[in-house]
Structures are given as structure tokens and as C-alpha cells.
Amino acid sequence: MSHNSFGHLFRVTTWGESHGPALGAIVDGCPPRIEISEAEIQTWLDKRKPGQSRFTTQRREADEVKILSGVMPQEDGRLLTTGTPIALEIQNTDQRSKDYGDIKDRYRPGHADFTYDTKYGIRDYRGGGRSSARETAARVAAGAIARKVVPGVSVRGALVQIGPHAIDRSRWNWNEIDNNPFFCPDAETARLWEGYLDGIRKAGSSVGAVIEIVAEGVPPGLGAPIYAKLDQDITSLLMSINAVKGVEIGEGFASAMLTGEENADEMRMGNDGKPLFLSNHAGGILGGISTGQPVIARFAVKPTSSILTPRHSITSGGEEVEVMTKGRHDPCVGIRAVPIGEAMVACAIADHYLRNRGQNG
């Protein structure tokens, strides 16, 4: 299976399966002399790991990361990157492959079972193998390193909609993100989601969500016209996340309802002598190149396909059957997709930062 890498100068290759002994990433192209530690990477992995509330899968994984290469210890105990490939490993410790024995020859509706079998002639039915969202732990680890590459950049994410229930943006407060299990910036909507998701979870069903990523401190000039647009690469990496079915930058699809006067981000000169944008409908990117404004991306995640309700399907031998997925699953995968989306945007920005530095000095 090819295509397990992304990025150009900041290049990430992930490896491992959901029910294998371990998974991880190789980060190639990280500049030398950047201070990094396992504890720093662990901070981001802890945001993504399962089993932290009743609203996520109860699979218990510590997601403890080990740095195997690409760093050199200093006399004061710090680790500095050497510029060589950084190998990251995360052990799997709570696989329950027996949960998937009943679907060994059955295609789960909404999953990649049929397409994997059609393409490769073999599939790992134990949790989906490479197609499992378990692989995204490696991306989050790589994203922790990407955040260190661009000086002063901040990448934050929030869950802004679960099912039909969206946040009230007038109540947006980043400080609320850590006060609820949803990464929700609106305390009132977070309380509403608790009751709503409890009902979804107890019914053995699932629901979709929308996540918003905001990158601040992105320098102007990242990206290139036509085939190396910053928004092109951001949307590509976000779309590569499991269960993502839609991505937008800035106003996105809502811009179709605006007039030219409403949509264009007007400019004036600021008191600091630098250009000042009066709005940010473009999401911080014009012509594929960053403006210096916050880069804003949103992505939609479909409902988890693994549900307890029997669904019509077929077997690999062509027999018509009903499939009910057992095991431990997220009633809303959008919750844990927040740190994954942050990581992918951070990786895209780091890659374009290094590309721009290589071309323009």
C-alpha cells in the first residue's frame, strides 16, 4: 500500500495498524536545533486519546509516545532536533480483536471494508487496520513537532456543531475549551450537547459534527499560486482525516450567499504602518497565499459508521446479510477530531513555512 506520506519539505510518513503492536510516524525535514521533548508531544496526544469521557470510545490507550531518533540530548537535559528523521512510536495496549470476529467476511456499511477488499484483495477486519482512526494518533504526534517549526504560530481548534446543534458565536470563549469534554467554546451549548449525546449514545447510534481550526501568527506570504496554494494543502490534509466529508476555508460555502461588496476583505493602513484588513471572509488566504490574518478552516465529520442498529450489507462471497457492529466506538468522532485537525493544519503551515524560507530566504 503506497501513499502513506504527506508534505514536501516537512514530510510525515505514518505507519502501523489499529490492532498491531504499535503505530507511529517518521518526521523528515524538521530543521535542526529545535528543542522538543516527549512530554511536549504527549500534551497534544492526551487531548486526542480515547476513554476520557462517556462521549468517546472506551478503548483504553495511554498513547505514550517515544522518540526513537532525530534528537540529541544536551548537558542540561534538553533534547534538540538534529535535522535527521525523527521517529515516533506509540504502543497499542488495549486491542480487542475478538470483537470483530463476526464481521470477518462481512462488509460494514459506511466503512472502507468493501473498497479495501476490492482494491487490495485483503483487508484487516480487526478495527479496520490502516483505515482505522487509530492511525491519527501518529499525526497528532507529528503535529506537535510542526508547531515548533514556525515561530509564534498558534493553532487552536473547537467543536462548533454536533448534529443539528451549533454554537452561538456571540458566546465564543477559547477559555471554555478545557472546561467541557467537547472542546466547545460555548459553555451553554456544551451543556445542551451533553443531554443530546447521552441519548445518541444510549440508543447505540451516532451523529456527525463540524470542527473549526484557527491558526494565528501565520506570517504573510506562505503558499504559492496555482498548484501549491496554502488552502489547497490545508484542505487536502483535513480531507485525509477519517470520516471527513467536507472542508471549507473562511466563509466557505456561505460565501455563495454574499455579494461582492460583502465578501471582499477591504484594506486600510494601520497605525503600525502595515496593511489592516477590515474583515476576514477569505480565511487568511488570498490567491493561495497567506495574508497574515488568522487562517480559518472548518471540516465536517460524518456520523460514526459503527452502530448497534442492524444494517443491510453483503459478505465477501456475495451473500446478503445484516451487520451490527460490536466493539467500542465514538458516538461522535468529531470530538476527538479537534486535535487531529489542529495537527494537520500545523503540518501544512510548517511545510509551507519551510518552502517559503527555501525560496525567499
Protein backbone atom coordinates (compact mmCIF):
# COMPACT_ATOMS: atom_id res chain seq x y z
CA MET A 1 0.00 0.00 0.00
CA SER A 2 1.55 3.28 -1.13
CA HIS A 3 0.65 6.88 -0.27
CA ASN A 4 1.41 6.88 3.45
CA SER A 5 3.28 10.20 3.40
CA PHE A 6 2.34 13.86 3.10
CA GLY A 7 4.21 17.14 2.90
CA HIS A 8 7.20 18.31 0.87
CA LEU A 9 9.99 19.83 2.98
CA PHE A 10 8.24 18.96 6.24
CA ARG A 11 7.31 15.41 5.35
CA VAL A 12 5.41 12.94 7.52
CA THR A 13 5.08 9.19 6.99
CA THR A 14 2.77 7.27 9.32
CA TRP A 15 2.87 3.51 9.91
CA GLY A 16 1.05 0.85 11.91
CA GLU A 17 -2.44 -0.60 12.28
CA SER A 18 -5.25 -0.29 14.80
CA HIS A 19 -4.71 -3.77 16.26
CA GLY A 20 -0.99 -4.14 15.59
CA PRO A 21 1.65 -3.90 18.34
CA ALA A 22 2.36 -0.21 17.69
CA LEU A 23 1.94 2.72 15.34
CA GLY A 24 3.93 5.86 14.73
CA ALA A 25 5.38 8.42 12.38
CA ILE A 26 8.60 9.41 10.70
CA VAL A 27 9.00 13.21 10.52
CA ASP A 28 11.57 14.16 7.89
CA GLY A 29 12.70 17.71 7.20
CA CYS A 30 12.39 19.18 10.68
CA PRO A 31 15.13 21.84 11.00
CA PRO A 32 17.96 21.22 13.47
CA ARG A 33 18.37 22.84 16.89
CA ILE A 34 14.67 22.91 17.77
CA GLU A 35 14.00 21.98 21.38
CA ILE A 36 11.46 19.17 21.70
CA SER A 37 10.52 16.61 24.34
CA GLU A 38 8.31 13.59 24.73
CA ALA A 39 6.34 15.49 27.38
CA GLU A 40 5.52 18.27 24.90
CA ILE A 41 4.29 15.80 22.31
CA GLN A 42 2.35 13.92 24.99
CA THR A 43 0.39 17.07 25.85
CA TRP A 44 -1.25 17.01 22.41
CA LEU A 45 -1.71 13.24 22.36
CA ASP A 46 -3.53 13.42 25.69
CA LYS A 47 -6.13 15.69 24.06
CA ARG A 48 -6.86 13.04 21.44
CA LYS A 49 -6.60 9.78 23.35
CA PRO A 50 -9.73 7.65 23.83
CA GLY A 51 -11.64 6.86 27.00
CA GLN A 52 -11.56 10.34 28.56
CA SER A 53 -15.33 10.75 28.85
CA ARG A 54 -18.54 8.80 28.27
CA PHE A 55 -18.86 10.58 24.92
CA THR A 56 -15.87 8.83 23.31
CA THR A 57 -14.84 5.23 22.73
CA GLN A 58 -13.95 3.37 25.93
CA ARG A 59 -10.87 1.78 24.41
CA ARG A 60 -8.16 2.47 26.98
CA GLU A 61 -4.91 3.59 25.40
CA ALA A 62 -2.22 5.58 27.20
CA ASP A 63 -0.92 6.79 23.83
CA GLU A 64 2.53 7.23 25.34
CA VAL A 65 4.99 8.47 22.72
CA LYS A 66 8.65 7.54 22.43
CA ILE A 67 11.17 9.50 20.38
CA LEU A 68 13.46 6.92 18.80
CA SER A 69 15.69 9.10 16.61
CA GLY A 70 16.40 12.56 15.31
CA VAL A 71 17.26 14.27 18.60
CA MET A 72 20.41 14.79 20.65
CA PRO A 73 20.44 15.20 24.45
CA GLN A 74 22.22 18.26 25.82
CA GLU A 75 24.18 18.57 29.04
CA ASP A 76 21.27 20.41 30.65
CA GLY A 77 18.87 17.57 29.79
CA ARG A 78 17.14 19.24 26.85
CA LEU A 79 16.61 17.44 23.55
CA LEU A 80 17.46 19.29 20.35
CA THR A 81 16.49 18.11 16.88
CA THR A 82 19.44 17.20 14.68
CA GLY A 83 17.80 17.72 11.28
CA THR A 84 17.65 13.96 10.66
CA PRO A 85 14.41 11.95 10.52
CA ILE A 86 12.51 11.91 13.82
CA ALA A 87 10.98 8.51 14.55
CA LEU A 88 7.98 8.45 16.89
CA GLU A 89 6.42 5.29 18.34
CA ILE A 90 3.12 4.77 20.18
CA GLN A 91 2.37 1.32 21.57
CA ASN A 92 -1.10 -0.25 21.25
CA THR A 93 -2.08 -1.77 24.58
CA ASP A 94 -5.87 -2.32 24.57
CA GLN A 95 -6.79 -4.13 21.35
CA ARG A 96 -9.81 -6.45 21.47
CA SER A 97 -9.65 -8.14 18.09
CA LYS A 98 -12.26 -10.74 19.11
CA ASP A 99 -14.91 -8.01 18.97
CA TYR A 100 -14.55 -8.06 15.18
CA GLY A 101 -14.68 -11.83 14.58
CA ASP A 102 -18.32 -11.75 13.47
CA ILE A 103 -17.59 -9.32 10.63
CA LYS A 104 -14.51 -11.06 9.25
CA ASP A 105 -16.29 -11.73 5.95
CA ARG A 106 -18.98 -9.03 6.20
CA TYR A 107 -18.70 -5.54 4.79
CA ARG A 108 -19.72 -2.89 7.33
CA PRO A 109 -21.92 -0.20 5.72
CA GLY A 110 -20.17 3.17 5.69
CA HIS A 111 -16.73 1.67 6.27
CA ALA A 112 -13.83 1.04 3.90
CA ASP A 113 -14.23 -2.76 4.09
CA PHE A 114 -15.63 -3.21 0.57
CA THR A 115 -13.29 -0.74 -1.12
CA TYR A 116 -10.16 -2.10 0.61
CA ASP A 117 -11.08 -5.67 -0.34
CA THR A 118 -11.81 -4.62 -3.92
CA LYS A 119 -8.52 -2.73 -4.30
CA TYR A 120 -6.06 -4.96 -2.40
CA GLY A 121 -7.75 -8.36 -2.21
CA ILE A 122 -7.13 -8.39 1.54
CA ARG A 123 -8.29 -6.30 4.47
CA ASP A 124 -7.62 -6.14 8.17
CA TYR A 125 -11.07 -6.61 9.71
CA ARG A 126 -9.66 -6.08 13.23
CA GLY A 127 -10.76 -2.50 13.77
CA GLY A 128 -10.11 -1.55 10.17
CA GLY A 129 -6.32 -1.81 10.19
CA ARG A 130 -4.82 1.18 8.35
CA SER A 131 -8.25 2.69 7.71
CA SER A 132 -8.92 3.00 11.45
CA ALA A 133 -8.91 6.44 13.07
CA ARG A 134 -6.35 4.94 15.46
CA GLU A 135 -3.73 5.93 12.84
CA THR A 136 -4.41 9.60 13.58
CA ALA A 137 -2.52 9.40 16.89
CA ALA A 138 0.65 9.42 14.80
CA ARG A 139 -0.49 12.57 13.01
CA VAL A 140 -1.10 14.37 16.31
CA ALA A 141 2.43 13.46 17.42
CA ALA A 142 3.85 14.83 14.16
CA GLY A 143 1.73 17.95 14.54
CA ALA A 144 3.32 18.61 17.92
CA ILE A 145 6.68 18.91 16.17
CA ALA A 146 5.21 21.03 13.36
CA ARG A 147 4.03 23.60 15.92
CA LYS A 148 7.67 24.17 16.90
CA VAL A 149 8.82 24.92 13.35
CA VAL A 150 7.03 28.26 12.76
CA PRO A 151 7.98 30.92 15.34
CA GLY A 152 4.99 32.46 17.10
CA VAL A 153 2.28 30.41 15.40
CA SER A 154 -0.74 29.25 17.39
CA VAL A 155 -3.12 26.57 16.09
CA ARG A 156 -6.34 26.03 18.04
CA GLY A 157 -9.47 24.04 17.29
CA ALA A 158 -13.04 23.94 18.54
CA LEU A 159 -16.13 21.83 18.00
CA VAL A 160 -18.77 24.22 16.65
CA GLN A 161 -21.64 21.87 15.79
CA ILE A 162 -22.89 18.42 16.79
CA GLY A 163 -25.77 17.10 14.70
CA PRO A 164 -28.25 19.98 14.22
CA HIS A 165 -27.00 21.89 17.29
CA ALA A 166 -24.47 24.67 16.51
CA ILE A 167 -22.79 27.01 18.99
CA ASP A 168 -23.80 30.64 19.47
CA ARG A 169 -20.75 32.52 18.14
CA SER A 170 -21.58 35.56 20.24
CA ARG A 171 -20.66 33.41 23.27
CA TRP A 172 -17.33 32.14 21.81
CA ASN A 173 -14.75 31.88 24.60
CA TRP A 174 -11.50 30.00 23.99
CA ASN A 175 -11.10 29.55 27.76
CA GLU A 176 -14.16 27.27 27.77
CA ILE A 177 -12.43 24.69 25.54
CA ASP A 178 -10.82 22.90 28.51
CA ASN A 179 -13.92 23.13 30.71
CA ASN A 180 -16.02 20.54 28.87
CA PRO A 181 -15.45 17.19 27.12
CA PHE A 182 -16.30 18.59 23.67
CA PHE A 183 -13.63 21.26 23.01
CA CYS A 184 -16.63 23.62 22.86
CA PRO A 185 -16.08 27.40 23.13
CA ASP A 186 -19.70 27.99 24.18
CA ALA A 187 -20.49 26.77 27.71
CA GLU A 188 -24.25 26.87 27.22
CA THR A 189 -24.18 24.78 24.04
CA ALA A 190 -21.78 22.32 25.69
CA ARG A 191 -24.44 21.63 28.33
CA LEU A 192 -27.04 21.09 25.62
CA TRP A 193 -24.73 18.63 23.84
CA GLU A 194 -24.36 16.52 26.98
CA GLY A 195 -28.03 15.58 27.08
CA TYR A 196 -28.26 15.24 23.30
CA LEU A 197 -25.24 12.92 23.01
CA ASP A 198 -26.34 10.85 26.01
CA GLY A 199 -29.46 10.00 24.06
CA ILE A 200 -27.50 9.16 20.91
CA ARG A 201 -25.06 7.01 22.89
CA LYS A 202 -27.72 5.08 24.80
CA ALA A 203 -29.53 4.36 21.54
CA GLY A 204 -26.34 2.81 20.15
CA SER A 205 -26.35 5.35 17.35
CA SER A 206 -24.01 8.15 16.24
CA VAL A 207 -24.03 11.69 14.90
CA GLY A 208 -21.79 13.99 12.85
CA ALA A 209 -20.08 17.27 13.72
CA VAL A 210 -18.28 20.37 12.43
CA ILE A 211 -14.83 21.42 13.68
CA GLU A 212 -13.21 24.83 13.24
CA ILE A 213 -9.44 25.35 13.24
CA VAL A 214 -7.92 28.81 13.74
CA ALA A 215 -4.20 29.40 13.11
CA GLU A 216 -2.90 32.74 14.37
CA GLY A 217 0.56 34.22 13.94
CA VAL A 218 0.84 32.79 10.41
CA PRO A 219 3.27 35.06 8.54
CA PRO A 220 2.10 36.59 5.25
CA GLY A 221 3.47 35.10 2.05
CA LEU A 222 3.11 31.36 2.72
CA GLY A 223 1.82 29.35 -0.22
CA ALA A 224 2.06 29.84 -3.97
CA PRO A 225 -0.43 30.40 -6.80
CA ILE A 226 -1.98 27.60 -8.85
CA TYR A 227 -0.64 24.22 -7.65
CA ALA A 228 0.92 24.98 -4.26
CA LYS A 229 -1.79 27.00 -2.57
CA LEU A 230 -1.75 27.04 1.21
CA ASP A 231 -5.51 26.50 1.34
CA GLN A 232 -5.19 23.68 -1.19
CA ASP A 233 -2.82 21.77 1.07
CA ILE A 234 -4.77 22.53 4.23
CA THR A 235 -7.99 21.23 2.72
CA SER A 236 -6.21 18.17 1.33
CA LEU A 237 -4.78 17.23 4.72
CA LEU A 238 -8.06 17.86 6.54
CA MET A 239 -9.93 15.77 3.98
CA SER A 240 -7.47 12.92 4.60
CA ILE A 241 -8.75 12.57 8.18
CA ASN A 242 -11.07 9.61 8.70
CA ALA A 243 -14.80 10.36 8.26
CA VAL A 244 -14.29 13.90 6.92
CA LYS A 245 -16.75 14.66 4.11
CA GLY A 246 -16.38 18.41 3.64
CA VAL A 247 -13.82 21.21 4.15
CA GLU A 248 -14.10 24.98 3.78
CA ILE A 249 -11.79 27.97 4.20
CA GLY A 250 -13.05 31.27 5.65
CA GLU A 251 -16.68 31.84 4.73
CA GLY A 252 -16.53 28.71 2.58
CA PHE A 253 -19.90 27.69 1.17
CA ALA A 254 -21.58 30.61 2.94
CA SER A 255 -19.73 32.97 0.57
CA ALA A 256 -22.13 31.87 -2.16
CA MET A 257 -24.83 33.87 -0.37
CA LEU A 258 -22.78 37.08 -0.17
CA THR A 259 -22.46 39.91 -2.64
CA GLY A 260 -19.09 41.10 -3.91
CA GLU A 261 -19.30 44.11 -1.61
CA GLU A 262 -19.95 41.91 1.41
CA ASN A 263 -17.35 39.27 0.65
CA ALA A 264 -14.28 41.34 -0.32
CA ASP A 265 -11.96 41.99 2.64
CA GLU A 266 -11.32 45.73 2.45
CA MET A 267 -7.97 47.18 3.49
CA ARG A 268 -6.62 50.29 5.16
CA MET A 269 -3.23 51.26 6.59
CA GLY A 270 -2.85 50.50 10.27
CA ASN A 271 -1.23 52.75 12.86
CA ASP A 272 1.82 50.50 12.72
CA GLY A 273 2.32 51.26 9.03
CA LYS A 274 1.21 47.78 7.97
CA PRO A 275 -1.88 46.83 5.94
CA LEU A 276 -5.02 46.38 8.03
CA PHE A 277 -7.85 44.12 6.83
CA LEU A 278 -11.34 45.19 7.86
CA SER A 279 -12.75 41.64 7.69
CA ASN A 280 -11.57 38.07 7.09
CA HIS A 281 -14.08 36.37 4.81
CA ALA A 282 -11.16 34.80 2.91
CA GLY A 283 -9.96 32.91 5.99
CA GLY A 284 -6.49 34.44 5.92
CA ILE A 285 -5.60 33.24 2.41
CA LEU A 286 -5.84 35.11 -0.91
CA GLY A 287 -4.71 33.58 -4.20
CA GLY A 288 -3.39 30.60 -2.26
CA ILE A 289 -1.03 32.83 -0.21
CA SER A 290 -1.40 33.75 3.47
CA THR A 291 -2.31 37.36 4.26
CA GLY A 292 -1.06 37.44 7.85
CA GLN A 293 -4.61 37.26 9.19
CA PRO A 294 -5.81 34.22 11.12
CA VAL A 295 -6.12 31.18 8.86
CA ILE A 296 -9.58 29.69 9.42
CA ALA A 297 -10.68 26.25 8.23
CA ARG A 298 -13.73 24.13 9.03
CA PHE A 299 -14.41 20.49 8.31
CA ALA A 300 -17.47 18.28 8.58
CA VAL A 301 -17.27 14.77 10.02
CA LYS A 302 -19.92 12.18 9.21
CA PRO A 303 -21.63 10.05 11.90
CA THR A 304 -19.61 7.07 13.10
CA SER A 305 -20.44 4.14 10.82
CA SER A 306 -20.08 1.60 13.64
CA ILE A 307 -23.52 1.50 15.28
CA LEU A 308 -25.63 -1.12 17.06
CA THR A 309 -28.59 -0.85 14.69
CA PRO A 310 -28.57 -3.75 12.17
CA ARG A 311 -27.90 -2.51 8.62
CA HIS A 312 -28.23 -4.28 5.27
CA SER A 313 -24.99 -5.38 3.61
CA ILE A 314 -23.26 -8.28 1.84
CA THR A 315 -20.39 -10.66 2.53
CA SER A 316 -17.19 -11.01 0.54
CA GLY A 317 -18.83 -14.04 -1.07
CA GLY A 318 -21.88 -12.07 -2.24
CA GLU A 319 -24.35 -13.23 0.41
CA GLU A 320 -26.90 -10.65 1.59
CA VAL A 321 -26.69 -10.16 5.37
CA GLU A 322 -27.38 -7.74 8.20
CA VAL A 323 -24.46 -6.18 10.05
CA MET A 324 -24.46 -4.90 13.62
CA THR A 325 -21.06 -3.59 14.70
CA LYS A 326 -19.90 -4.57 18.18
CA GLY A 327 -16.87 -3.17 19.98
CA ARG A 328 -16.11 0.24 21.45
CA HIS A 329 -16.86 3.25 19.27
CA ASP A 330 -17.30 7.01 19.46
CA PRO A 331 -20.93 8.21 19.31
CA CYS A 332 -19.44 11.36 17.71
CA VAL A 333 -15.97 11.10 16.19
CA GLY A 334 -15.96 14.86 15.77
CA ILE A 335 -14.94 15.31 19.40
CA ARG A 336 -11.54 13.66 19.09
CA ALA A 337 -11.12 15.06 15.58
CA VAL A 338 -10.38 18.51 17.05
CA PRO A 339 -6.70 17.84 17.99
CA ILE A 340 -6.29 15.87 14.74
CA GLY A 341 -7.47 18.85 12.69
CA GLU A 342 -5.12 21.11 14.64
CA ALA A 343 -2.21 18.79 13.84
CA MET A 344 -2.94 18.65 10.11
CA VAL A 345 -3.21 22.43 9.80
CA ALA A 346 0.03 22.82 11.81
CA CYS A 347 1.82 20.39 9.47
CA ALA A 348 0.59 22.22 6.36
CA ILE A 349 1.73 25.59 7.71
CA ALA A 350 5.12 24.22 8.79
CA ASP A 351 5.68 22.70 5.36
CA HIS A 352 4.83 25.97 3.57
CA TYR A 353 6.93 27.97 6.03
CA LEU A 354 9.99 25.88 5.15
CA ARG A 355 9.18 26.03 1.41
CA ASN A 356 8.88 29.81 1.57
CA ARG A 357 12.12 30.11 3.52
CA GLY A 358 13.89 27.94 0.96
CA GLN A 359 12.69 30.08 -1.95
CA ASN A 360 12.77 33.57 -0.48
CA GLY A 361 15.30 33.30 2.33
